[in-house]
Amino acid sequence: MTTRAASKSMGKKDGSEKPEDRYEIRLSGSGGQGLILAGVILAEALGIGDGKNVVQTQSYGPEARGGASRADLVVADGEIYYPKTMKLDLLLALTQEACDKYYPDLKEGGTLIVDSTMVTQVPTKNYYGLPFMQLAREEVGIVMVANVVSLGAISELTGIVTRDSIRNAVLARAPRGTEEKNKKALELGIEAAKKLLKEKR
């Protein structure tokens, strides 16, 4: 999926891409956790809402549910000349397997966000851990909205996407009748991230 929007290029005068004008994201976990949908929502928030150029790709495991699953995004203000991720700026891992598999792809100084109940062996001390699935189950009543909880946390922890844009994208993709639960899930992620940031100060 490629989302294009009019924006002022931060690239060189010939339009070429500068390394700092490129932000690479991977949302990872297991099949059935809604990470592909989360990738689409985030791409739409960044592209349509925030006016960035975005390329979104996805990879499913051998099984629809339970196998490895990931959604990758490349985001830039200017043109994106290579659509695949090379070194991640942000990695979300909702399972231990995903963290183990994809952590080596995270660049030095990149942001790692994990589900703290599912990922118990984190390969670095520099990470953010929140119980996304537990929050979704206990606070919203539907574990399936853990992906939306994680999007709220990402928006607050990284500032990569504006709050209005991610909220509008979530509500646009929410199945009819689930809008309030998805809105609650997003706010839950934002508030949990705010609390985590205060604790880390």
N, C-alpha and C. Protein backbone atom coordinates (compact mmCIF):
# COMPACT_ATOMS: atom_id res chain seq x y z
N MET A 1 0.86 -1.20 0.00
CA MET A 1 0.00 0.00 0.00
C MET A 1 0.89 1.23 0.00
N THR A 2 0.64 2.12 -0.91
CA THR A 2 1.37 3.38 -0.97
C THR A 2 0.41 4.53 -0.78
N THR A 3 0.70 5.39 0.17
CA THR A 3 -0.12 6.58 0.39
C THR A 3 0.71 7.79 0.04
N ARG A 4 0.21 8.60 -0.86
CA ARG A 4 0.94 9.80 -1.25
C ARG A 4 0.12 11.02 -0.89
N ALA A 5 0.77 12.04 -0.41
CA ALA A 5 0.09 13.29 -0.09
C ALA A 5 1.03 14.43 -0.41
N ALA A 6 0.46 15.56 -0.76
CA ALA A 6 1.29 16.73 -1.08
C ALA A 6 2.00 17.19 0.18
N SER A 7 3.30 17.32 0.11
CA SER A 7 4.06 17.80 1.26
C SER A 7 5.35 18.42 0.77
N LYS A 8 5.92 19.28 1.58
CA LYS A 8 7.17 19.94 1.23
C LYS A 8 8.32 18.95 1.44
N SER A 9 9.07 18.69 0.40
CA SER A 9 10.16 17.72 0.48
C SER A 9 11.30 18.25 1.34
N MET A 10 11.84 17.33 2.15
CA MET A 10 13.02 17.67 2.93
C MET A 10 14.28 17.18 2.22
N GLY A 11 14.10 16.63 1.00
CA GLY A 11 15.22 16.07 0.26
C GLY A 11 16.10 17.15 -0.35
N LYS A 12 17.08 16.70 -1.14
CA LYS A 12 17.97 17.63 -1.81
C LYS A 12 17.23 18.31 -2.96
N LYS A 13 17.88 19.28 -3.59
CA LYS A 13 17.22 20.03 -4.66
C LYS A 13 16.84 19.14 -5.84
N ASP A 14 17.59 18.04 -6.04
CA ASP A 14 17.26 17.14 -7.13
C ASP A 14 16.16 16.16 -6.73
N GLY A 15 15.62 16.33 -5.51
CA GLY A 15 14.50 15.50 -5.05
C GLY A 15 14.94 14.19 -4.42
N SER A 16 16.24 13.95 -4.33
CA SER A 16 16.70 12.69 -3.77
C SER A 16 16.45 12.65 -2.26
N GLU A 17 16.38 11.46 -1.77
CA GLU A 17 15.99 11.24 -0.38
C GLU A 17 17.18 11.38 0.56
N LYS A 18 17.02 12.14 1.62
CA LYS A 18 18.06 12.25 2.63
C LYS A 18 17.82 11.19 3.69
N PRO A 19 18.87 10.62 4.27
CA PRO A 19 18.68 9.58 5.29
C PRO A 19 17.79 10.02 6.44
N GLU A 20 17.89 11.32 6.84
CA GLU A 20 17.08 11.77 7.98
C GLU A 20 15.62 11.99 7.58
N ASP A 21 15.35 11.96 6.26
CA ASP A 21 13.99 12.13 5.78
C ASP A 21 13.37 10.76 5.50
N ARG A 22 13.60 9.84 6.40
CA ARG A 22 13.10 8.48 6.22
C ARG A 22 12.95 7.86 7.61
N TYR A 23 11.76 7.34 7.88
CA TYR A 23 11.49 6.74 9.20
C TYR A 23 10.87 5.37 8.94
N GLU A 24 11.48 4.33 9.48
CA GLU A 24 11.07 2.96 9.21
C GLU A 24 10.43 2.33 10.44
N ILE A 25 9.27 1.73 10.24
CA ILE A 25 8.47 1.17 11.33
C ILE A 25 8.13 -0.29 11.03
N ARG A 26 8.18 -1.14 12.05
CA ARG A 26 7.68 -2.52 11.93
C ARG A 26 6.77 -2.83 13.12
N LEU A 27 5.55 -3.25 12.81
CA LEU A 27 4.61 -3.72 13.81
C LEU A 27 4.59 -5.24 13.70
N SER A 28 4.97 -5.94 14.78
CA SER A 28 5.15 -7.39 14.65
C SER A 28 4.51 -8.15 15.81
N GLY A 29 4.17 -9.39 15.53
CA GLY A 29 3.57 -10.26 16.53
C GLY A 29 3.16 -11.56 15.87
N SER A 30 2.01 -12.08 16.25
CA SER A 30 1.53 -13.32 15.65
C SER A 30 0.25 -13.05 14.87
N GLY A 31 -0.07 -13.96 13.96
CA GLY A 31 -1.28 -13.84 13.17
C GLY A 31 -2.50 -13.79 14.07
N GLY A 32 -3.46 -12.97 13.71
CA GLY A 32 -4.66 -12.84 14.52
C GLY A 32 -4.64 -11.68 15.48
N GLN A 33 -3.49 -10.99 15.61
CA GLN A 33 -3.40 -9.85 16.52
C GLN A 33 -3.76 -8.52 15.85
N GLY A 34 -4.09 -8.57 14.58
CA GLY A 34 -4.53 -7.36 13.89
C GLY A 34 -3.43 -6.41 13.51
N LEU A 35 -2.22 -6.91 13.34
CA LEU A 35 -1.09 -6.02 13.05
C LEU A 35 -1.09 -5.51 11.62
N ILE A 36 -1.61 -6.31 10.70
CA ILE A 36 -1.70 -5.83 9.31
C ILE A 36 -2.66 -4.66 9.25
N LEU A 37 -3.81 -4.81 9.92
CA LEU A 37 -4.78 -3.71 9.97
C LEU A 37 -4.17 -2.50 10.66
N ALA A 38 -3.43 -2.72 11.73
CA ALA A 38 -2.79 -1.61 12.45
C ALA A 38 -1.82 -0.87 11.52
N GLY A 39 -1.11 -1.62 10.69
CA GLY A 39 -0.20 -1.00 9.73
C GLY A 39 -0.93 -0.14 8.71
N VAL A 40 -2.08 -0.64 8.25
CA VAL A 40 -2.90 0.12 7.29
C VAL A 40 -3.42 1.40 7.95
N ILE A 41 -3.91 1.27 9.18
CA ILE A 41 -4.43 2.44 9.90
C ILE A 41 -3.33 3.48 10.10
N LEU A 42 -2.16 3.04 10.53
CA LEU A 42 -1.06 3.97 10.76
C LEU A 42 -0.62 4.63 9.46
N ALA A 43 -0.59 3.87 8.37
CA ALA A 43 -0.21 4.43 7.07
C ALA A 43 -1.21 5.49 6.63
N GLU A 44 -2.50 5.22 6.84
CA GLU A 44 -3.52 6.20 6.47
C GLU A 44 -3.45 7.44 7.34
N ALA A 45 -3.16 7.26 8.62
CA ALA A 45 -3.02 8.40 9.53
C ALA A 45 -1.85 9.29 9.11
N LEU A 46 -0.74 8.66 8.77
CA LEU A 46 0.45 9.41 8.38
C LEU A 46 0.30 10.04 7.00
N GLY A 47 -0.28 9.30 6.06
CA GLY A 47 -0.38 9.78 4.69
C GLY A 47 -1.52 10.75 4.46
N ILE A 48 -2.72 10.32 4.84
CA ILE A 48 -3.89 11.16 4.61
C ILE A 48 -4.00 12.26 5.65
N GLY A 49 -3.78 11.89 6.92
CA GLY A 49 -3.94 12.87 7.99
C GLY A 49 -2.79 13.84 8.13
N ASP A 50 -1.56 13.33 8.07
CA ASP A 50 -0.40 14.17 8.35
C ASP A 50 0.37 14.59 7.10
N GLY A 51 -0.07 14.15 5.92
CA GLY A 51 0.55 14.62 4.69
C GLY A 51 1.93 14.07 4.40
N LYS A 52 2.26 12.89 4.94
CA LYS A 52 3.54 12.26 4.67
C LYS A 52 3.41 11.35 3.45
N ASN A 53 4.54 10.98 2.88
CA ASN A 53 4.58 9.90 1.91
C ASN A 53 4.83 8.61 2.66
N VAL A 54 4.05 7.58 2.35
CA VAL A 54 4.13 6.32 3.10
C VAL A 54 4.06 5.14 2.14
N VAL A 55 4.92 4.16 2.37
CA VAL A 55 4.80 2.86 1.71
C VAL A 55 4.61 1.83 2.80
N GLN A 56 3.55 1.02 2.68
CA GLN A 56 3.25 -0.01 3.68
C GLN A 56 3.24 -1.38 3.03
N THR A 57 4.02 -2.30 3.60
CA THR A 57 4.06 -3.68 3.11
C THR A 57 3.78 -4.61 4.28
N GLN A 58 3.44 -5.85 3.97
CA GLN A 58 3.08 -6.78 5.04
C GLN A 58 3.55 -8.18 4.74
N SER A 59 3.68 -8.96 5.80
CA SER A 59 4.12 -10.35 5.68
C SER A 59 3.33 -11.21 6.64
N TYR A 60 2.72 -12.27 6.11
CA TYR A 60 1.97 -13.19 6.93
C TYR A 60 2.82 -14.43 7.19
N GLY A 61 2.54 -15.10 8.31
CA GLY A 61 3.19 -16.36 8.59
C GLY A 61 2.52 -17.48 7.81
N PRO A 62 2.98 -18.72 7.99
CA PRO A 62 2.39 -19.84 7.26
C PRO A 62 0.95 -20.14 7.67
N GLU A 63 0.54 -19.64 8.81
CA GLU A 63 -0.83 -19.86 9.27
C GLU A 63 -1.51 -18.51 9.46
N ALA A 64 -2.82 -18.49 9.25
CA ALA A 64 -3.56 -17.24 9.42
C ALA A 64 -3.51 -16.76 10.86
N ARG A 65 -3.61 -17.70 11.77
CA ARG A 65 -3.54 -17.35 13.19
C ARG A 65 -2.42 -18.15 13.85
N GLY A 66 -1.60 -17.46 14.60
CA GLY A 66 -0.54 -18.15 15.32
C GLY A 66 0.81 -18.02 14.66
N GLY A 67 0.85 -17.91 13.32
CA GLY A 67 2.11 -17.74 12.63
C GLY A 67 2.60 -16.31 12.79
N ALA A 68 3.86 -16.10 12.43
CA ALA A 68 4.45 -14.76 12.53
C ALA A 68 3.74 -13.81 11.58
N SER A 69 3.61 -12.57 12.01
CA SER A 69 2.94 -11.55 11.21
C SER A 69 3.62 -10.21 11.44
N ARG A 70 3.76 -9.44 10.35
CA ARG A 70 4.36 -8.12 10.51
C ARG A 70 3.86 -7.17 9.44
N ALA A 71 3.84 -5.90 9.79
CA ALA A 71 3.52 -4.83 8.85
C ALA A 71 4.65 -3.82 8.91
N ASP A 72 5.21 -3.48 7.76
CA ASP A 72 6.32 -2.52 7.68
C ASP A 72 5.85 -1.23 7.02
N LEU A 73 6.37 -0.12 7.52
CA LEU A 73 6.07 1.17 6.92
C LEU A 73 7.36 1.95 6.72
N VAL A 74 7.47 2.60 5.59
CA VAL A 74 8.53 3.57 5.34
C VAL A 74 7.84 4.92 5.17
N VAL A 75 8.26 5.90 5.95
CA VAL A 75 7.61 7.22 5.99
C VAL A 75 8.64 8.29 5.65
N ALA A 76 8.24 9.25 4.84
CA ALA A 76 9.14 10.35 4.51
C ALA A 76 8.34 11.58 4.12
N ASP A 77 8.95 12.74 4.26
CA ASP A 77 8.35 13.97 3.76
C ASP A 77 8.52 14.08 2.25
N GLY A 78 9.67 13.60 1.77
CA GLY A 78 9.95 13.64 0.35
C GLY A 78 9.67 12.31 -0.32
N GLU A 79 10.28 12.11 -1.50
CA GLU A 79 10.05 10.88 -2.25
C GLU A 79 10.67 9.67 -1.53
N ILE A 80 10.02 8.53 -1.67
CA ILE A 80 10.54 7.27 -1.14
C ILE A 80 11.02 6.45 -2.33
N TYR A 81 12.34 6.29 -2.45
CA TYR A 81 12.90 5.62 -3.62
C TYR A 81 13.10 4.11 -3.40
N TYR A 82 13.18 3.69 -2.16
CA TYR A 82 13.29 2.27 -1.87
C TYR A 82 12.19 1.91 -0.89
N PRO A 83 11.25 1.06 -1.27
CA PRO A 83 10.03 0.86 -0.47
C PRO A 83 10.17 -0.09 0.72
N LYS A 84 11.27 -0.82 0.81
CA LYS A 84 11.40 -1.81 1.89
C LYS A 84 12.25 -1.25 3.03
N THR A 85 11.99 -1.78 4.23
CA THR A 85 12.75 -1.33 5.39
C THR A 85 14.19 -1.86 5.32
N MET A 86 15.13 -1.06 5.81
CA MET A 86 16.53 -1.46 5.84
C MET A 86 17.03 -1.54 7.28
N LYS A 87 16.82 -0.48 8.03
CA LYS A 87 17.15 -0.45 9.46
C LYS A 87 16.03 0.28 10.17
N LEU A 88 15.36 -0.41 11.08
CA LEU A 88 14.14 0.11 11.70
C LEU A 88 14.43 1.24 12.69
N ASP A 89 13.59 2.28 12.63
CA ASP A 89 13.61 3.33 13.65
C ASP A 89 12.71 2.96 14.81
N LEU A 90 11.67 2.17 14.51
CA LEU A 90 10.68 1.79 15.53
C LEU A 90 10.27 0.33 15.31
N LEU A 91 10.33 -0.45 16.38
CA LEU A 91 9.86 -1.83 16.34
C LEU A 91 8.85 -2.04 17.46
N LEU A 92 7.65 -2.48 17.08
CA LEU A 92 6.65 -2.93 18.05
C LEU A 92 6.63 -4.44 18.01
N ALA A 93 6.81 -5.09 19.15
CA ALA A 93 6.80 -6.56 19.22
C ALA A 93 5.77 -6.99 20.27
N LEU A 94 4.74 -7.70 19.81
CA LEU A 94 3.70 -8.16 20.73
C LEU A 94 3.91 -9.58 21.20
N THR A 95 4.93 -10.26 20.67
CA THR A 95 5.26 -11.62 21.12
C THR A 95 6.76 -11.75 21.30
N GLN A 96 7.16 -12.74 22.09
CA GLN A 96 8.58 -12.99 22.31
C GLN A 96 9.26 -13.38 21.01
N GLU A 97 8.58 -14.22 20.22
CA GLU A 97 9.14 -14.66 18.94
C GLU A 97 9.43 -13.47 18.03
N ALA A 98 8.50 -12.52 17.96
CA ALA A 98 8.68 -11.35 17.11
C ALA A 98 9.84 -10.49 17.61
N CYS A 99 9.95 -10.34 18.91
CA CYS A 99 11.05 -9.55 19.49
C CYS A 99 12.40 -10.19 19.17
N ASP A 100 12.48 -11.50 19.37
CA ASP A 100 13.73 -12.23 19.11
C ASP A 100 14.12 -12.14 17.63
N LYS A 101 13.13 -12.27 16.77
CA LYS A 101 13.37 -12.33 15.33
C LYS A 101 13.74 -10.98 14.72
N TYR A 102 13.07 -9.91 15.18
CA TYR A 102 13.21 -8.63 14.51
C TYR A 102 14.07 -7.60 15.23
N TYR A 103 14.41 -7.85 16.49
CA TYR A 103 15.24 -6.88 17.21
C TYR A 103 16.56 -6.57 16.49
N PRO A 104 17.21 -7.56 15.87
CA PRO A 104 18.45 -7.24 15.15
C PRO A 104 18.26 -6.25 13.99
N ASP A 105 17.04 -6.08 13.52
CA ASP A 105 16.77 -5.14 12.43
C ASP A 105 16.59 -3.70 12.92
N LEU A 106 16.56 -3.52 14.24
CA LEU A 106 16.37 -2.18 14.81
C LEU A 106 17.71 -1.45 14.83
N LYS A 107 17.73 -0.22 14.32
CA LYS A 107 18.99 0.53 14.29
C LYS A 107 19.41 0.94 15.70
N GLU A 108 20.67 1.22 15.86
CA GLU A 108 21.19 1.67 17.16
C GLU A 108 20.50 2.97 17.54
N GLY A 109 19.93 3.02 18.73
CA GLY A 109 19.20 4.19 19.17
C GLY A 109 17.75 4.20 18.74
N GLY A 110 17.31 3.14 18.04
CA GLY A 110 15.92 3.04 17.63
C GLY A 110 15.01 2.75 18.81
N THR A 111 13.71 2.87 18.59
CA THR A 111 12.72 2.71 19.66
C THR A 111 12.11 1.31 19.63
N LEU A 112 12.21 0.60 20.74
CA LEU A 112 11.60 -0.72 20.89
C LEU A 112 10.42 -0.62 21.86
N ILE A 113 9.26 -1.08 21.41
CA ILE A 113 8.06 -1.12 22.24
C ILE A 113 7.57 -2.55 22.27
N VAL A 114 7.36 -3.10 23.46
CA VAL A 114 6.95 -4.50 23.58
C VAL A 114 5.71 -4.63 24.47
N ASP A 115 5.01 -5.73 24.28
CA ASP A 115 3.94 -6.10 25.21
C ASP A 115 4.62 -6.73 26.42
N SER A 116 4.55 -6.06 27.54
CA SER A 116 5.32 -6.47 28.72
C SER A 116 4.87 -7.78 29.34
N THR A 117 3.67 -8.24 29.02
CA THR A 117 3.23 -9.54 29.55
C THR A 117 3.60 -10.68 28.63
N MET A 118 3.79 -10.38 27.35
CA MET A 118 4.10 -11.42 26.37
C MET A 118 5.59 -11.52 26.07
N VAL A 119 6.31 -10.42 26.22
CA VAL A 119 7.75 -10.39 25.95
C VAL A 119 8.47 -10.26 27.29
N THR A 120 8.96 -11.36 27.80
CA THR A 120 9.58 -11.39 29.13
C THR A 120 11.09 -11.34 29.09
N GLN A 121 11.67 -11.60 27.92
CA GLN A 121 13.12 -11.53 27.76
C GLN A 121 13.43 -10.49 26.69
N VAL A 122 13.69 -9.27 27.15
CA VAL A 122 13.95 -8.16 26.23
C VAL A 122 15.46 -8.02 26.07
N PRO A 123 15.96 -7.96 24.82
CA PRO A 123 17.41 -7.97 24.59
C PRO A 123 18.12 -6.64 24.88
N THR A 124 17.42 -5.66 25.43
CA THR A 124 18.04 -4.37 25.75
C THR A 124 17.33 -3.76 26.95
N LYS A 125 18.02 -2.88 27.64
CA LYS A 125 17.40 -2.17 28.76
C LYS A 125 16.68 -0.91 28.28
N ASN A 126 16.94 -0.53 27.04
CA ASN A 126 16.38 0.69 26.47
C ASN A 126 15.12 0.36 25.65
N TYR A 127 14.00 0.24 26.32
CA TYR A 127 12.75 -0.11 25.63
C TYR A 127 11.56 0.40 26.44
N TYR A 128 10.39 0.37 25.81
CA TYR A 128 9.13 0.69 26.47
C TYR A 128 8.29 -0.57 26.53
N GLY A 129 7.81 -0.90 27.71
CA GLY A 129 6.97 -2.08 27.87
C GLY A 129 5.60 -1.73 28.44
N LEU A 130 4.55 -2.14 27.76
CA LEU A 130 3.17 -1.93 28.22
C LEU A 130 2.36 -3.20 27.97
N PRO A 131 1.44 -3.54 28.86
CA PRO A 131 0.65 -4.77 28.70
C PRO A 131 -0.54 -4.58 27.76
N PHE A 132 -0.26 -4.47 26.48
CA PHE A 132 -1.31 -4.13 25.50
C PHE A 132 -2.49 -5.10 25.52
N MET A 133 -2.21 -6.38 25.48
CA MET A 133 -3.29 -7.36 25.42
C MET A 133 -4.08 -7.39 26.72
N GLN A 134 -3.40 -7.26 27.83
CA GLN A 134 -4.06 -7.24 29.14
C GLN A 134 -4.95 -6.01 29.27
N LEU A 135 -4.46 -4.86 28.85
CA LEU A 135 -5.25 -3.63 28.90
C LEU A 135 -6.51 -3.75 28.03
N ALA A 136 -6.33 -4.31 26.83
CA ALA A 136 -7.47 -4.46 25.92
C ALA A 136 -8.53 -5.38 26.53
N ARG A 137 -8.08 -6.47 27.11
CA ARG A 137 -9.00 -7.45 27.67
C ARG A 137 -9.70 -6.92 28.92
N GLU A 138 -8.93 -6.31 29.82
CA GLU A 138 -9.50 -5.91 31.11
C GLU A 138 -10.22 -4.56 31.07
N GLU A 139 -9.74 -3.63 30.25
CA GLU A 139 -10.32 -2.28 30.24
C GLU A 139 -11.36 -2.06 29.15
N VAL A 140 -11.19 -2.75 28.02
CA VAL A 140 -12.13 -2.58 26.91
C VAL A 140 -13.06 -3.79 26.79
N GLY A 141 -12.58 -4.94 27.25
CA GLY A 141 -13.40 -6.15 27.19
C GLY A 141 -13.21 -6.95 25.91
N ILE A 142 -12.32 -6.50 25.02
CA ILE A 142 -12.05 -7.21 23.77
C ILE A 142 -10.54 -7.23 23.53
N VAL A 143 -9.95 -8.40 23.60
CA VAL A 143 -8.50 -8.50 23.43
C VAL A 143 -8.08 -8.11 22.01
N MET A 144 -9.00 -8.21 21.05
CA MET A 144 -8.68 -7.92 19.65
C MET A 144 -8.32 -6.45 19.40
N VAL A 145 -8.66 -5.56 20.34
CA VAL A 145 -8.31 -4.15 20.14
C VAL A 145 -6.94 -3.80 20.72
N ALA A 146 -6.15 -4.82 21.06
CA ALA A 146 -4.78 -4.57 21.54
C ALA A 146 -3.96 -3.84 20.48
N ASN A 147 -4.27 -4.11 19.20
CA ASN A 147 -3.55 -3.40 18.14
C ASN A 147 -3.82 -1.90 18.18
N VAL A 148 -5.06 -1.52 18.51
CA VAL A 148 -5.41 -0.10 18.60
C VAL A 148 -4.80 0.52 19.85
N VAL A 149 -4.78 -0.23 20.95
CA VAL A 149 -4.10 0.25 22.16
C VAL A 149 -2.64 0.56 21.85
N SER A 150 -2.01 -0.33 21.09
CA SER A 150 -0.60 -0.13 20.74
C SER A 150 -0.40 1.09 19.84
N LEU A 151 -1.35 1.36 18.96
CA LEU A 151 -1.25 2.56 18.11
C LEU A 151 -1.33 3.84 18.94
N GLY A 152 -2.17 3.84 19.96
CA GLY A 152 -2.24 4.98 20.87
C GLY A 152 -0.92 5.20 21.58
N ALA A 153 -0.31 4.11 22.03
CA ALA A 153 0.97 4.21 22.72
C ALA A 153 2.06 4.70 21.79
N ILE A 154 2.06 4.20 20.55
CA ILE A 154 3.07 4.63 19.57
C ILE A 154 2.97 6.12 19.32
N SER A 155 1.74 6.62 19.17
CA SER A 155 1.58 8.05 18.89
C SER A 155 2.11 8.90 20.04
N GLU A 156 1.92 8.44 21.26
CA GLU A 156 2.36 9.21 22.43
C GLU A 156 3.85 9.07 22.68
N LEU A 157 4.39 7.87 22.52
CA LEU A 157 5.80 7.61 22.84
C LEU A 157 6.75 8.17 21.80
N THR A 158 6.33 8.21 20.54
CA THR A 158 7.24 8.61 19.47
C THR A 158 6.93 9.97 18.86
N GLY A 159 5.65 10.37 18.89
CA GLY A 159 5.26 11.62 18.23
C GLY A 159 5.32 11.55 16.72
N ILE A 160 5.46 10.34 16.16
CA ILE A 160 5.57 10.18 14.72
C ILE A 160 4.27 10.52 13.99
N VAL A 161 3.14 10.38 14.69
CA VAL A 161 1.84 10.65 14.08
C VAL A 161 1.03 11.53 15.04
N THR A 162 0.26 12.46 14.49
CA THR A 162 -0.53 13.33 15.35
C THR A 162 -1.72 12.58 15.92
N ARG A 163 -2.16 13.01 17.07
CA ARG A 163 -3.26 12.33 17.75
C ARG A 163 -4.56 12.40 16.96
N ASP A 164 -4.84 13.54 16.37
CA ASP A 164 -6.06 13.67 15.57
C ASP A 164 -6.05 12.73 14.37
N SER A 165 -4.91 12.63 13.72
CA SER A 165 -4.81 11.78 12.53
C SER A 165 -4.98 10.30 12.87
N ILE A 166 -4.37 9.85 13.94
CA ILE A 166 -4.50 8.43 14.30
C ILE A 166 -5.91 8.13 14.78
N ARG A 167 -6.53 9.08 15.49
CA ARG A 167 -7.91 8.88 15.94
C ARG A 167 -8.87 8.80 14.74
N ASN A 168 -8.70 9.70 13.78
CA ASN A 168 -9.57 9.68 12.61
C ASN A 168 -9.39 8.41 11.79
N ALA A 169 -8.15 7.95 11.68
CA ALA A 169 -7.88 6.73 10.91
C ALA A 169 -8.45 5.49 11.59
N VAL A 170 -8.34 5.44 12.92
CA VAL A 170 -8.91 4.31 13.68
C VAL A 170 -10.43 4.27 13.50
N LEU A 171 -11.08 5.41 13.66
CA LEU A 171 -12.54 5.46 13.56
C LEU A 171 -13.02 5.17 12.15
N ALA A 172 -12.23 5.57 11.15
CA ALA A 172 -12.61 5.30 9.75
C ALA A 172 -12.56 3.81 9.44
N ARG A 173 -11.69 3.07 10.12
CA ARG A 173 -11.53 1.63 9.87
C ARG A 173 -12.33 0.76 10.85
N ALA A 174 -12.85 1.35 11.90
CA ALA A 174 -13.59 0.57 12.91
C ALA A 174 -14.89 0.03 12.31
N PRO A 175 -15.17 -1.27 12.49
CA PRO A 175 -16.45 -1.81 12.03
C PRO A 175 -17.61 -1.08 12.69
N ARG A 176 -18.70 -0.94 11.97
CA ARG A 176 -19.86 -0.22 12.50
C ARG A 176 -20.30 -0.84 13.83
N GLY A 177 -20.52 0.01 14.80
CA GLY A 177 -20.94 -0.45 16.12
C GLY A 177 -19.79 -0.63 17.10
N THR A 178 -18.54 -0.56 16.60
CA THR A 178 -17.38 -0.73 17.50
C THR A 178 -16.59 0.56 17.68
N GLU A 179 -17.13 1.65 17.16
CA GLU A 179 -16.38 2.92 17.19
C GLU A 179 -15.98 3.33 18.60
N GLU A 180 -16.91 3.24 19.55
CA GLU A 180 -16.61 3.68 20.92
C GLU A 180 -15.56 2.80 21.58
N LYS A 181 -15.63 1.50 21.34
CA LYS A 181 -14.63 0.59 21.93
C LYS A 181 -13.24 0.86 21.34
N ASN A 182 -13.19 1.12 20.04
CA ASN A 182 -11.91 1.42 19.41
C ASN A 182 -11.37 2.77 19.88
N LYS A 183 -12.25 3.74 20.04
CA LYS A 183 -11.84 5.05 20.56
C LYS A 183 -11.30 4.90 21.98
N LYS A 184 -11.97 4.09 22.79
CA LYS A 184 -11.53 3.86 24.16
C LYS A 184 -10.17 3.16 24.17
N ALA A 185 -9.98 2.20 23.26
CA ALA A 185 -8.71 1.47 23.18
C ALA A 185 -7.57 2.42 22.83
N LEU A 186 -7.82 3.33 21.89
CA LEU A 186 -6.79 4.28 21.48
C LEU A 186 -6.41 5.21 22.64
N GLU A 187 -7.41 5.74 23.32
CA GLU A 187 -7.17 6.62 24.46
C GLU A 187 -6.45 5.88 25.59
N LEU A 188 -6.78 4.61 25.75
CA LEU A 188 -6.14 3.77 26.76
C LEU A 188 -4.64 3.68 26.50
N GLY A 189 -4.28 3.46 25.23
CA GLY A 189 -2.87 3.39 24.87
C GLY A 189 -2.15 4.70 25.08
N ILE A 190 -2.81 5.80 24.74
CA ILE A 190 -2.21 7.13 24.93
C ILE A 190 -1.96 7.40 26.41
N GLU A 191 -2.96 7.14 27.24
CA GLU A 191 -2.84 7.42 28.68
C GLU A 191 -1.81 6.51 29.34
N ALA A 192 -1.76 5.23 28.93
CA ALA A 192 -0.78 4.30 29.50
C ALA A 192 0.64 4.75 29.13
N ALA A 193 0.81 5.24 27.91
CA ALA A 193 2.13 5.73 27.48
C ALA A 193 2.53 7.00 28.23
N LYS A 194 1.56 7.88 28.45
CA LYS A 194 1.84 9.10 29.23
C LYS A 194 2.35 8.74 30.63
N LYS A 195 1.67 7.79 31.25
CA LYS A 195 2.05 7.36 32.60
C LYS A 195 3.45 6.75 32.59
N LEU A 196 3.73 5.94 31.55
CA LEU A 196 5.05 5.30 31.44
C LEU A 196 6.14 6.35 31.27
N LEU A 197 5.89 7.36 30.46
CA LEU A 197 6.88 8.41 30.25
C LEU A 197 7.18 9.18 31.54
N LYS A 198 6.14 9.42 32.33
CA LYS A 198 6.34 10.10 33.63
C LYS A 198 7.20 9.26 34.56
N GLU A 199 6.96 7.95 34.54
CA GLU A 199 7.72 7.05 35.41
C GLU A 199 9.19 6.99 35.00
N LYS A 200 9.46 7.16 33.73
CA LYS A 200 10.84 7.04 33.23
C LYS A 200 11.63 8.33 33.42
N ARG A 201 10.96 9.42 33.74
CA ARG A 201 11.65 10.70 33.92
C ARG A 201 12.43 10.72 35.22
